[in-house]
Amino acid sequence: MAVLPIRIMGDPVLHSPAAPVGEITDEIRTLVADMFETMDLAPGVGLAAPQVGVPLRLFTYSYVDDDDNPWRGVIINPVLWMAPLEPGSPDPDEESEGCLSFPGERFPLRRSDRVRVTGTDLDGRDVVIEVDGWRARIMQHEFDHLDGVLYIDRLSDSEWKTVQKIARKRGWGRPGASWVPGVDDLEG
């Protein structure tokens, strides 16, 4: 297994829809193992293939809730259904999220509280995931990556301006920007 460089906002692979995965090969299995290692070291709760420069429709996820219930897996060629969004502004304390492709920052974003995701696992078996709360947020966030959307693309205008200032200051927003968990220090 290997730790993979994570692409940062501005890299074209993050801003384009990913292609469906065809056959599940040993190369795909190795990619998924490397994605788990990278996600865990980052640390993150999800990682989509485009974030490591591979424009394919798959993502890994890993989350432990307040009751220490682990939830971990991979979903290939996912399809997402969401419950309607509740009206109102996001609560900064309860609805802020971050992204390994815009590391070190968190912004509030309203997401659907319930989702259903279907797809396949590494053995080609059908997967159906029905979740709510933070698990639903993770599914939506990672699914967005497969459509070329970063969570920062969904922010309000004022927050988007803040994102642009941060990106300029850190030299992000250009092709080829990346970081390697466990190697690169992204503090300031």
N, C-alpha and C. Protein backbone atom coordinates (compact mmCIF):
# COMPACT_ATOMS: atom_id res chain seq x y z
N MET A 1 0.84 -1.19 0.00
CA MET A 1 0.00 0.00 0.00
C MET A 1 0.88 1.24 0.00
N ALA A 2 0.31 2.34 -0.49
CA ALA A 2 1.05 3.58 -0.59
C ALA A 2 0.15 4.76 -0.24
N VAL A 3 0.77 5.80 0.32
CA VAL A 3 0.07 7.04 0.56
C VAL A 3 0.13 7.85 -0.73
N LEU A 4 -1.02 8.33 -1.18
CA LEU A 4 -1.14 9.03 -2.44
C LEU A 4 -1.20 10.55 -2.23
N PRO A 5 -0.66 11.33 -3.15
CA PRO A 5 -0.82 12.79 -3.07
C PRO A 5 -2.29 13.15 -3.26
N ILE A 6 -2.78 14.07 -2.45
CA ILE A 6 -4.16 14.55 -2.56
C ILE A 6 -4.16 15.85 -3.33
N ARG A 7 -4.95 15.91 -4.39
CA ARG A 7 -5.05 17.11 -5.23
C ARG A 7 -5.78 18.21 -4.47
N ILE A 8 -5.35 19.44 -4.72
CA ILE A 8 -5.93 20.61 -4.07
C ILE A 8 -6.72 21.42 -5.09
N MET A 9 -7.75 22.09 -4.59
CA MET A 9 -8.60 22.97 -5.39
C MET A 9 -7.82 23.61 -6.55
N GLY A 10 -8.40 23.54 -7.73
CA GLY A 10 -7.77 24.11 -8.92
C GLY A 10 -7.22 23.05 -9.86
N ASP A 11 -6.94 21.87 -9.35
CA ASP A 11 -6.48 20.80 -10.23
C ASP A 11 -7.66 20.36 -11.09
N PRO A 12 -7.49 20.27 -12.41
CA PRO A 12 -8.61 19.95 -13.30
C PRO A 12 -9.36 18.66 -12.96
N VAL A 13 -8.68 17.64 -12.43
CA VAL A 13 -9.36 16.38 -12.14
C VAL A 13 -10.44 16.57 -11.07
N LEU A 14 -10.30 17.60 -10.24
CA LEU A 14 -11.29 17.87 -9.20
C LEU A 14 -12.51 18.62 -9.71
N HIS A 15 -12.40 19.16 -10.90
CA HIS A 15 -13.46 20.03 -11.42
C HIS A 15 -14.12 19.48 -12.67
N SER A 16 -13.99 18.16 -12.87
CA SER A 16 -14.58 17.49 -14.02
C SER A 16 -15.30 16.22 -13.55
N PRO A 17 -16.41 15.87 -14.19
CA PRO A 17 -17.08 14.62 -13.81
C PRO A 17 -16.18 13.41 -14.05
N ALA A 18 -16.23 12.46 -13.13
CA ALA A 18 -15.44 11.25 -13.23
C ALA A 18 -16.15 10.21 -14.10
N ALA A 19 -15.38 9.30 -14.66
CA ALA A 19 -15.91 8.24 -15.52
C ALA A 19 -16.32 7.03 -14.68
N PRO A 20 -17.31 6.28 -15.14
CA PRO A 20 -17.69 5.05 -14.42
C PRO A 20 -16.54 4.05 -14.39
N VAL A 21 -16.50 3.27 -13.32
CA VAL A 21 -15.55 2.18 -13.22
C VAL A 21 -16.10 1.02 -14.04
N GLY A 22 -15.27 0.44 -14.88
CA GLY A 22 -15.67 -0.74 -15.65
C GLY A 22 -15.46 -1.98 -14.80
N GLU A 23 -14.59 -2.82 -15.25
CA GLU A 23 -14.27 -4.05 -14.52
C GLU A 23 -13.49 -3.73 -13.25
N ILE A 24 -13.78 -4.46 -12.19
CA ILE A 24 -13.04 -4.29 -10.94
C ILE A 24 -11.81 -5.18 -11.01
N THR A 25 -10.68 -4.53 -11.28
CA THR A 25 -9.40 -5.22 -11.51
C THR A 25 -8.53 -5.14 -10.26
N ASP A 26 -7.38 -5.82 -10.32
CA ASP A 26 -6.41 -5.70 -9.24
C ASP A 26 -5.92 -4.26 -9.11
N GLU A 27 -5.86 -3.53 -10.22
CA GLU A 27 -5.46 -2.12 -10.19
C GLU A 27 -6.47 -1.30 -9.37
N ILE A 28 -7.75 -1.58 -9.55
CA ILE A 28 -8.79 -0.89 -8.78
C ILE A 28 -8.68 -1.28 -7.30
N ARG A 29 -8.46 -2.54 -7.02
CA ARG A 29 -8.31 -2.98 -5.62
C ARG A 29 -7.11 -2.30 -4.95
N THR A 30 -6.00 -2.18 -5.66
CA THR A 30 -4.82 -1.50 -5.13
C THR A 30 -5.12 -0.02 -4.90
N LEU A 31 -5.79 0.61 -5.85
CA LEU A 31 -6.18 2.01 -5.70
C LEU A 31 -7.00 2.20 -4.42
N VAL A 32 -7.99 1.34 -4.20
CA VAL A 32 -8.85 1.46 -3.02
C VAL A 32 -8.04 1.27 -1.74
N ALA A 33 -7.14 0.28 -1.71
CA ALA A 33 -6.29 0.08 -0.53
C ALA A 33 -5.43 1.32 -0.27
N ASP A 34 -4.86 1.90 -1.33
CA ASP A 34 -4.05 3.11 -1.18
C ASP A 34 -4.90 4.30 -0.73
N MET A 35 -6.15 4.36 -1.21
CA MET A 35 -7.04 5.44 -0.79
C MET A 35 -7.38 5.33 0.69
N PHE A 36 -7.63 4.10 1.18
CA PHE A 36 -7.89 3.93 2.61
C PHE A 36 -6.68 4.38 3.43
N GLU A 37 -5.48 3.97 3.01
CA GLU A 37 -4.28 4.35 3.75
C GLU A 37 -4.11 5.88 3.75
N THR A 38 -4.32 6.50 2.61
CA THR A 38 -4.20 7.96 2.49
C THR A 38 -5.24 8.67 3.34
N MET A 39 -6.51 8.23 3.26
CA MET A 39 -7.60 8.82 4.02
C MET A 39 -7.33 8.72 5.52
N ASP A 40 -6.89 7.56 5.96
CA ASP A 40 -6.64 7.35 7.39
C ASP A 40 -5.50 8.23 7.89
N LEU A 41 -4.45 8.38 7.11
CA LEU A 41 -3.30 9.17 7.52
C LEU A 41 -3.60 10.66 7.50
N ALA A 42 -4.52 11.10 6.63
CA ALA A 42 -4.76 12.54 6.42
C ALA A 42 -5.11 13.33 7.70
N PRO A 43 -5.93 13.00 8.60
CA PRO A 43 -6.99 12.00 8.59
C PRO A 43 -8.25 12.58 7.97
N GLY A 44 -9.04 11.70 7.35
CA GLY A 44 -10.30 12.12 6.75
C GLY A 44 -11.37 11.10 7.00
N VAL A 45 -12.61 11.47 6.68
CA VAL A 45 -13.74 10.55 6.82
C VAL A 45 -14.22 10.04 5.46
N GLY A 46 -13.62 10.53 4.39
CA GLY A 46 -13.96 10.09 3.06
C GLY A 46 -12.88 10.53 2.09
N LEU A 47 -12.78 9.83 0.97
CA LEU A 47 -11.81 10.19 -0.06
C LEU A 47 -12.32 9.65 -1.39
N ALA A 48 -12.48 10.55 -2.35
CA ALA A 48 -12.93 10.17 -3.69
C ALA A 48 -11.73 10.01 -4.62
N ALA A 49 -11.84 9.09 -5.56
CA ALA A 49 -10.74 8.83 -6.48
C ALA A 49 -10.21 10.09 -7.19
N PRO A 50 -11.08 11.03 -7.63
CA PRO A 50 -10.53 12.24 -8.25
C PRO A 50 -9.60 13.03 -7.32
N GLN A 51 -9.79 12.91 -6.02
CA GLN A 51 -8.93 13.64 -5.08
C GLN A 51 -7.49 13.12 -5.12
N VAL A 52 -7.29 11.90 -5.58
CA VAL A 52 -5.93 11.37 -5.72
C VAL A 52 -5.54 11.28 -7.19
N GLY A 53 -6.24 12.06 -8.02
CA GLY A 53 -5.87 12.19 -9.43
C GLY A 53 -6.40 11.12 -10.35
N VAL A 54 -7.33 10.31 -9.88
CA VAL A 54 -7.89 9.22 -10.70
C VAL A 54 -9.35 9.56 -11.01
N PRO A 55 -9.66 9.87 -12.26
CA PRO A 55 -11.01 10.33 -12.60
C PRO A 55 -12.03 9.18 -12.76
N LEU A 56 -12.21 8.42 -11.70
CA LEU A 56 -13.16 7.31 -11.70
C LEU A 56 -14.20 7.49 -10.60
N ARG A 57 -15.39 6.92 -10.79
CA ARG A 57 -16.51 7.08 -9.87
C ARG A 57 -16.44 6.04 -8.75
N LEU A 58 -15.60 6.34 -7.76
CA LEU A 58 -15.55 5.52 -6.56
C LEU A 58 -15.04 6.36 -5.42
N PHE A 59 -15.48 6.00 -4.20
CA PHE A 59 -14.96 6.67 -3.02
C PHE A 59 -14.94 5.73 -1.82
N THR A 60 -14.04 6.07 -0.88
CA THR A 60 -13.95 5.35 0.38
C THR A 60 -14.56 6.24 1.46
N TYR A 61 -14.96 5.60 2.57
CA TYR A 61 -15.49 6.37 3.71
C TYR A 61 -15.17 5.62 4.99
N SER A 62 -15.05 6.39 6.07
CA SER A 62 -14.76 5.81 7.37
C SER A 62 -15.17 6.82 8.43
N TYR A 63 -16.02 6.40 9.34
CA TYR A 63 -16.54 7.31 10.35
C TYR A 63 -16.89 6.50 11.60
N VAL A 64 -16.56 7.06 12.75
CA VAL A 64 -16.95 6.46 14.02
C VAL A 64 -17.84 7.47 14.72
N ASP A 65 -19.08 7.07 15.04
CA ASP A 65 -20.03 8.01 15.64
C ASP A 65 -19.77 8.18 17.14
N ASP A 66 -20.60 8.98 17.79
CA ASP A 66 -20.42 9.28 19.21
C ASP A 66 -20.52 8.05 20.10
N ASP A 67 -21.14 6.99 19.61
CA ASP A 67 -21.27 5.75 20.38
C ASP A 67 -20.19 4.73 20.01
N ASP A 68 -19.13 5.19 19.33
CA ASP A 68 -18.02 4.34 18.91
C ASP A 68 -18.43 3.23 17.93
N ASN A 69 -19.43 3.51 17.11
CA ASN A 69 -19.85 2.56 16.07
C ASN A 69 -19.07 2.84 14.79
N PRO A 70 -18.17 1.93 14.38
CA PRO A 70 -17.40 2.16 13.16
C PRO A 70 -18.25 1.92 11.91
N TRP A 71 -17.97 2.68 10.88
CA TRP A 71 -18.67 2.59 9.60
C TRP A 71 -17.63 2.86 8.54
N ARG A 72 -17.34 1.87 7.70
CA ARG A 72 -16.22 1.97 6.77
C ARG A 72 -16.53 1.17 5.52
N GLY A 73 -16.14 1.70 4.37
CA GLY A 73 -16.35 0.95 3.15
C GLY A 73 -15.91 1.70 1.91
N VAL A 74 -16.24 1.11 0.79
CA VAL A 74 -15.99 1.70 -0.52
C VAL A 74 -17.26 1.51 -1.33
N ILE A 75 -17.56 2.47 -2.16
CA ILE A 75 -18.69 2.33 -3.07
C ILE A 75 -18.24 2.73 -4.47
N ILE A 76 -18.56 1.87 -5.42
CA ILE A 76 -18.14 2.04 -6.81
C ILE A 76 -19.37 2.36 -7.64
N ASN A 77 -19.24 3.34 -8.53
CA ASN A 77 -20.32 3.80 -9.40
C ASN A 77 -21.59 4.11 -8.61
N PRO A 78 -21.48 4.97 -7.59
CA PRO A 78 -22.64 5.25 -6.75
C PRO A 78 -23.71 6.08 -7.46
N VAL A 79 -24.94 5.86 -7.01
CA VAL A 79 -26.09 6.69 -7.39
C VAL A 79 -26.64 7.21 -6.07
N LEU A 80 -26.96 8.50 -6.01
CA LEU A 80 -27.37 9.15 -4.76
C LEU A 80 -28.78 9.70 -4.87
N TRP A 81 -29.58 9.42 -3.85
CA TRP A 81 -30.90 10.03 -3.68
C TRP A 81 -30.88 10.76 -2.35
N MET A 82 -31.44 11.98 -2.32
CA MET A 82 -31.43 12.78 -1.09
C MET A 82 -32.84 13.18 -0.70
N ALA A 83 -33.07 13.25 0.61
CA ALA A 83 -34.30 13.86 1.11
C ALA A 83 -34.21 15.36 0.83
N PRO A 84 -35.34 16.04 0.71
CA PRO A 84 -35.28 17.50 0.48
C PRO A 84 -34.54 18.22 1.61
N LEU A 85 -33.87 19.29 1.23
CA LEU A 85 -33.16 20.10 2.21
C LEU A 85 -34.15 20.83 3.10
N GLU A 86 -33.80 20.94 4.37
CA GLU A 86 -34.58 21.77 5.28
C GLU A 86 -34.28 23.24 4.97
N PRO A 87 -35.28 24.11 5.01
CA PRO A 87 -35.01 25.53 4.73
C PRO A 87 -34.18 26.17 5.84
N GLY A 88 -33.53 27.26 5.49
CA GLY A 88 -32.77 28.00 6.48
C GLY A 88 -31.29 28.02 6.19
N SER A 89 -30.58 28.74 7.03
CA SER A 89 -29.12 28.85 6.91
C SER A 89 -28.46 27.74 7.71
N PRO A 90 -27.28 27.31 7.28
CA PRO A 90 -26.58 26.25 8.03
C PRO A 90 -26.11 26.77 9.39
N ASP A 91 -26.12 25.89 10.36
CA ASP A 91 -25.62 26.18 11.70
C ASP A 91 -24.11 25.97 11.69
N PRO A 92 -23.31 27.02 11.91
CA PRO A 92 -21.84 26.87 11.86
C PRO A 92 -21.29 25.84 12.85
N ASP A 93 -21.97 25.64 13.98
CA ASP A 93 -21.49 24.67 14.96
C ASP A 93 -21.83 23.24 14.58
N GLU A 94 -22.95 23.04 13.92
CA GLU A 94 -23.44 21.69 13.62
C GLU A 94 -23.27 21.27 12.16
N GLU A 95 -23.10 22.22 11.25
CA GLU A 95 -23.11 21.89 9.82
C GLU A 95 -21.87 22.36 9.08
N SER A 96 -20.77 22.52 9.77
CA SER A 96 -19.53 22.90 9.08
C SER A 96 -18.81 21.64 8.63
N GLU A 97 -18.22 21.72 7.46
CA GLU A 97 -17.44 20.59 6.97
C GLU A 97 -16.15 21.07 6.37
N GLY A 98 -15.24 20.15 6.19
CA GLY A 98 -13.96 20.45 5.59
C GLY A 98 -13.72 19.49 4.44
N CYS A 99 -12.56 19.62 3.82
CA CYS A 99 -12.26 18.79 2.66
C CYS A 99 -10.74 18.63 2.54
N LEU A 100 -10.30 17.43 2.26
CA LEU A 100 -8.87 17.18 2.07
C LEU A 100 -8.33 17.88 0.83
N SER A 101 -9.21 18.33 -0.07
CA SER A 101 -8.78 19.06 -1.25
C SER A 101 -8.84 20.58 -1.05
N PHE A 102 -9.21 21.00 0.14
CA PHE A 102 -9.09 22.39 0.59
C PHE A 102 -8.74 22.29 2.07
N PRO A 103 -7.54 21.74 2.37
CA PRO A 103 -7.20 21.31 3.72
C PRO A 103 -7.07 22.45 4.73
N GLY A 104 -7.44 22.10 5.96
CA GLY A 104 -7.25 23.01 7.07
C GLY A 104 -8.35 24.02 7.28
N GLU A 105 -9.38 24.00 6.47
CA GLU A 105 -10.47 24.97 6.57
C GLU A 105 -11.80 24.26 6.73
N ARG A 106 -12.75 24.94 7.37
CA ARG A 106 -14.10 24.42 7.54
C ARG A 106 -15.09 25.57 7.30
N PHE A 107 -16.17 25.25 6.61
CA PHE A 107 -17.22 26.24 6.36
C PHE A 107 -18.58 25.58 6.55
N PRO A 108 -19.57 26.35 7.01
CA PRO A 108 -20.91 25.78 7.18
C PRO A 108 -21.59 25.60 5.82
N LEU A 109 -22.25 24.46 5.67
CA LEU A 109 -22.95 24.14 4.43
C LEU A 109 -24.18 23.30 4.76
N ARG A 110 -25.31 23.72 4.25
CA ARG A 110 -26.55 22.97 4.44
C ARG A 110 -26.53 21.76 3.52
N ARG A 111 -26.78 20.58 4.08
CA ARG A 111 -26.87 19.33 3.33
C ARG A 111 -28.17 18.63 3.71
N SER A 112 -28.59 17.72 2.88
CA SER A 112 -29.76 16.90 3.20
C SER A 112 -29.43 16.03 4.40
N ASP A 113 -30.41 15.80 5.26
CA ASP A 113 -30.17 15.01 6.47
C ASP A 113 -30.29 13.51 6.22
N ARG A 114 -30.88 13.10 5.08
CA ARG A 114 -31.04 11.66 4.79
C ARG A 114 -30.71 11.40 3.33
N VAL A 115 -29.99 10.28 3.11
CA VAL A 115 -29.67 9.89 1.74
C VAL A 115 -29.75 8.38 1.59
N ARG A 116 -29.87 7.98 0.34
CA ARG A 116 -29.77 6.58 -0.05
C ARG A 116 -28.76 6.52 -1.19
N VAL A 117 -27.77 5.64 -1.05
CA VAL A 117 -26.74 5.48 -2.07
C VAL A 117 -26.72 4.02 -2.49
N THR A 118 -26.70 3.79 -3.80
CA THR A 118 -26.54 2.44 -4.32
C THR A 118 -25.29 2.40 -5.18
N GLY A 119 -24.74 1.24 -5.34
CA GLY A 119 -23.55 1.04 -6.15
C GLY A 119 -23.07 -0.38 -5.96
N THR A 120 -21.77 -0.59 -6.11
CA THR A 120 -21.21 -1.93 -5.89
C THR A 120 -20.00 -1.81 -4.97
N ASP A 121 -19.61 -2.96 -4.40
CA ASP A 121 -18.41 -3.02 -3.57
C ASP A 121 -17.25 -3.59 -4.40
N LEU A 122 -16.13 -3.84 -3.77
CA LEU A 122 -14.94 -4.34 -4.48
C LEU A 122 -15.13 -5.74 -5.05
N ASP A 123 -16.12 -6.47 -4.55
CA ASP A 123 -16.39 -7.80 -5.07
C ASP A 123 -17.49 -7.79 -6.14
N GLY A 124 -17.95 -6.58 -6.51
CA GLY A 124 -18.98 -6.45 -7.53
C GLY A 124 -20.38 -6.70 -7.01
N ARG A 125 -20.53 -6.83 -5.69
CA ARG A 125 -21.86 -7.04 -5.10
C ARG A 125 -22.59 -5.70 -4.97
N ASP A 126 -23.91 -5.75 -5.13
CA ASP A 126 -24.71 -4.55 -4.97
C ASP A 126 -24.64 -4.06 -3.53
N VAL A 127 -24.60 -2.74 -3.39
CA VAL A 127 -24.57 -2.09 -2.09
C VAL A 127 -25.72 -1.10 -2.03
N VAL A 128 -26.42 -1.07 -0.92
CA VAL A 128 -27.44 -0.06 -0.65
C VAL A 128 -27.14 0.51 0.73
N ILE A 129 -26.94 1.82 0.77
CA ILE A 129 -26.63 2.51 2.02
C ILE A 129 -27.72 3.55 2.25
N GLU A 130 -28.41 3.44 3.38
CA GLU A 130 -29.41 4.45 3.77
C GLU A 130 -28.96 5.00 5.11
N VAL A 131 -28.61 6.29 5.13
CA VAL A 131 -28.04 6.90 6.33
C VAL A 131 -28.59 8.31 6.53
N ASP A 132 -28.39 8.81 7.75
CA ASP A 132 -28.77 10.18 8.04
C ASP A 132 -27.64 10.86 8.80
N GLY A 133 -27.83 12.14 9.15
CA GLY A 133 -26.85 12.88 9.92
C GLY A 133 -25.51 13.02 9.22
N TRP A 134 -24.43 12.85 10.01
CA TRP A 134 -23.08 13.03 9.46
C TRP A 134 -22.75 12.01 8.39
N ARG A 135 -23.29 10.82 8.53
CA ARG A 135 -23.03 9.81 7.49
C ARG A 135 -23.64 10.25 6.16
N ALA A 136 -24.83 10.85 6.21
CA ALA A 136 -25.45 11.39 4.99
C ALA A 136 -24.60 12.52 4.41
N ARG A 137 -24.06 13.35 5.28
CA ARG A 137 -23.20 14.45 4.83
C ARG A 137 -21.96 13.90 4.12
N ILE A 138 -21.35 12.87 4.67
CA ILE A 138 -20.17 12.27 4.06
C ILE A 138 -20.50 11.73 2.67
N MET A 139 -21.62 11.03 2.55
CA MET A 139 -22.01 10.48 1.25
C MET A 139 -22.20 11.58 0.21
N GLN A 140 -22.87 12.66 0.60
CA GLN A 140 -23.10 13.77 -0.33
C GLN A 140 -21.79 14.45 -0.73
N HIS A 141 -20.93 14.67 0.25
CA HIS A 141 -19.65 15.33 0.00
C HIS A 141 -18.81 14.53 -0.99
N GLU A 142 -18.68 13.22 -0.73
CA GLU A 142 -17.86 12.39 -1.61
C GLU A 142 -18.50 12.22 -2.99
N PHE A 143 -19.82 12.09 -3.03
CA PHE A 143 -20.51 11.98 -4.31
C PHE A 143 -20.29 13.24 -5.15
N ASP A 144 -20.33 14.41 -4.50
CA ASP A 144 -20.06 15.66 -5.22
C ASP A 144 -18.71 15.60 -5.94
N HIS A 145 -17.69 15.05 -5.28
CA HIS A 145 -16.37 14.96 -5.91
C HIS A 145 -16.44 14.21 -7.24
N LEU A 146 -17.31 13.22 -7.32
CA LEU A 146 -17.40 12.42 -8.55
C LEU A 146 -18.05 13.21 -9.69
N ASP A 147 -18.75 14.27 -9.34
CA ASP A 147 -19.37 15.15 -10.34
C ASP A 147 -18.54 16.41 -10.59
N GLY A 148 -17.34 16.48 -10.01
CA GLY A 148 -16.47 17.64 -10.22
C GLY A 148 -16.84 18.83 -9.36
N VAL A 149 -17.49 18.60 -8.23
CA VAL A 149 -17.94 19.67 -7.35
C VAL A 149 -17.23 19.54 -6.01
N LEU A 150 -16.60 20.62 -5.55
CA LEU A 150 -16.05 20.69 -4.21
C LEU A 150 -17.07 21.37 -3.31
N TYR A 151 -17.06 21.04 -2.03
CA TYR A 151 -18.04 21.65 -1.14
C TYR A 151 -17.92 23.17 -1.13
N ILE A 152 -16.73 23.69 -1.34
CA ILE A 152 -16.55 25.15 -1.36
C ILE A 152 -17.28 25.79 -2.54
N ASP A 153 -17.57 25.00 -3.59
CA ASP A 153 -18.35 25.51 -4.74
C ASP A 153 -19.79 25.78 -4.35
N ARG A 154 -20.25 25.22 -3.25
CA ARG A 154 -21.64 25.36 -2.81
C ARG A 154 -21.83 26.44 -1.74
N LEU A 155 -20.76 27.13 -1.38
CA LEU A 155 -20.84 28.12 -0.30
C LEU A 155 -21.49 29.42 -0.75
N SER A 156 -21.89 30.22 0.23
CA SER A 156 -22.47 31.54 -0.05
C SER A 156 -21.41 32.44 -0.70
N ASP A 157 -21.85 33.53 -1.28
CA ASP A 157 -20.92 34.45 -1.95
C ASP A 157 -19.85 34.99 -1.00
N SER A 158 -20.25 35.37 0.22
CA SER A 158 -19.26 35.93 1.15
C SER A 158 -18.23 34.87 1.55
N GLU A 159 -18.68 33.65 1.78
CA GLU A 159 -17.73 32.58 2.12
C GLU A 159 -16.85 32.23 0.92
N TRP A 160 -17.41 32.29 -0.28
CA TRP A 160 -16.63 32.02 -1.48
C TRP A 160 -15.48 33.03 -1.63
N LYS A 161 -15.76 34.28 -1.28
CA LYS A 161 -14.70 35.30 -1.32
C LYS A 161 -13.59 34.95 -0.33
N THR A 162 -13.96 34.47 0.84
CA THR A 162 -12.97 34.04 1.83
C THR A 162 -12.15 32.87 1.29
N VAL A 163 -12.82 31.92 0.64
CA VAL A 163 -12.14 30.77 0.03
C VAL A 163 -11.10 31.26 -0.98
N GLN A 164 -11.48 32.22 -1.82
CA GLN A 164 -10.57 32.73 -2.84
C GLN A 164 -9.34 33.40 -2.21
N LYS A 165 -9.55 34.14 -1.13
CA LYS A 165 -8.42 34.78 -0.45
C LYS A 165 -7.46 33.73 0.12
N ILE A 166 -8.02 32.70 0.74
CA ILE A 166 -7.20 31.63 1.31
C ILE A 166 -6.42 30.92 0.20
N ALA A 167 -7.10 30.63 -0.90
CA ALA A 167 -6.45 29.93 -2.01
C ALA A 167 -5.31 30.76 -2.59
N ARG A 168 -5.53 32.04 -2.77
CA ARG A 168 -4.46 32.92 -3.30
C ARG A 168 -3.26 32.95 -2.34
N LYS A 169 -3.56 33.11 -1.04
CA LYS A 169 -2.50 33.19 -0.04
C LYS A 169 -1.65 31.92 -0.01
N ARG A 170 -2.29 30.76 -0.22
CA ARG A 170 -1.57 29.49 -0.13
C ARG A 170 -1.07 28.98 -1.49
N GLY A 171 -1.34 29.72 -2.55
CA GLY A 171 -0.87 29.30 -3.87
C GLY A 171 -1.69 28.18 -4.48
N TRP A 172 -2.93 28.02 -4.01
CA TRP A 172 -3.81 26.99 -4.54
C TRP A 172 -4.61 27.55 -5.72
N GLY A 173 -5.51 26.74 -6.25
CA GLY A 173 -6.35 27.19 -7.36
C GLY A 173 -5.66 27.06 -8.70
N ARG A 174 -4.69 26.17 -8.77
CA ARG A 174 -3.95 25.98 -10.03
C ARG A 174 -3.74 24.49 -10.27
N PRO A 175 -3.56 24.09 -11.50
CA PRO A 175 -3.30 22.67 -11.79
C PRO A 175 -2.03 22.19 -11.10
N GLY A 176 -2.08 20.95 -10.63
CA GLY A 176 -0.89 20.32 -10.07
C GLY A 176 -0.67 20.53 -8.59
N ALA A 177 -1.46 21.36 -7.93
CA ALA A 177 -1.28 21.56 -6.50
C ALA A 177 -1.75 20.31 -5.75
N SER A 178 -0.92 19.83 -4.83
CA SER A 178 -1.28 18.63 -4.06
C SER A 178 -0.50 18.63 -2.75
N TRP A 179 -0.86 17.71 -1.88
CA TRP A 179 -0.15 17.50 -0.62
C TRP A 179 -0.16 16.02 -0.30
N VAL A 180 0.80 15.58 0.49
CA VAL A 180 0.90 14.17 0.85
C VAL A 180 0.74 14.06 2.37
N PRO A 181 -0.31 13.36 2.82
CA PRO A 181 -0.49 13.17 4.27
C PRO A 181 0.73 12.48 4.88
N GLY A 182 1.13 12.97 6.05
CA GLY A 182 2.28 12.40 6.74
C GLY A 182 3.60 12.97 6.26
N VAL A 183 3.58 13.74 5.16
CA VAL A 183 4.81 14.30 4.61
C VAL A 183 4.76 15.82 4.63
N ASP A 184 3.68 16.38 4.09
CA ASP A 184 3.56 17.83 3.96
C ASP A 184 2.91 18.46 5.18
N ASP A 185 3.46 19.57 5.61
CA ASP A 185 2.88 20.35 6.70
C ASP A 185 2.11 21.50 6.06
N LEU A 186 0.81 21.49 6.24
CA LEU A 186 -0.02 22.53 5.61
C LEU A 186 -0.43 23.62 6.58
N GLU A 187 0.20 23.68 7.71
CA GLU A 187 -0.13 24.71 8.70
C GLU A 187 0.43 26.05 8.22
N GLY A 188 -0.45 26.90 7.72
CA GLY A 188 -0.07 28.26 7.35
C GLY A 188 0.90 28.33 6.24
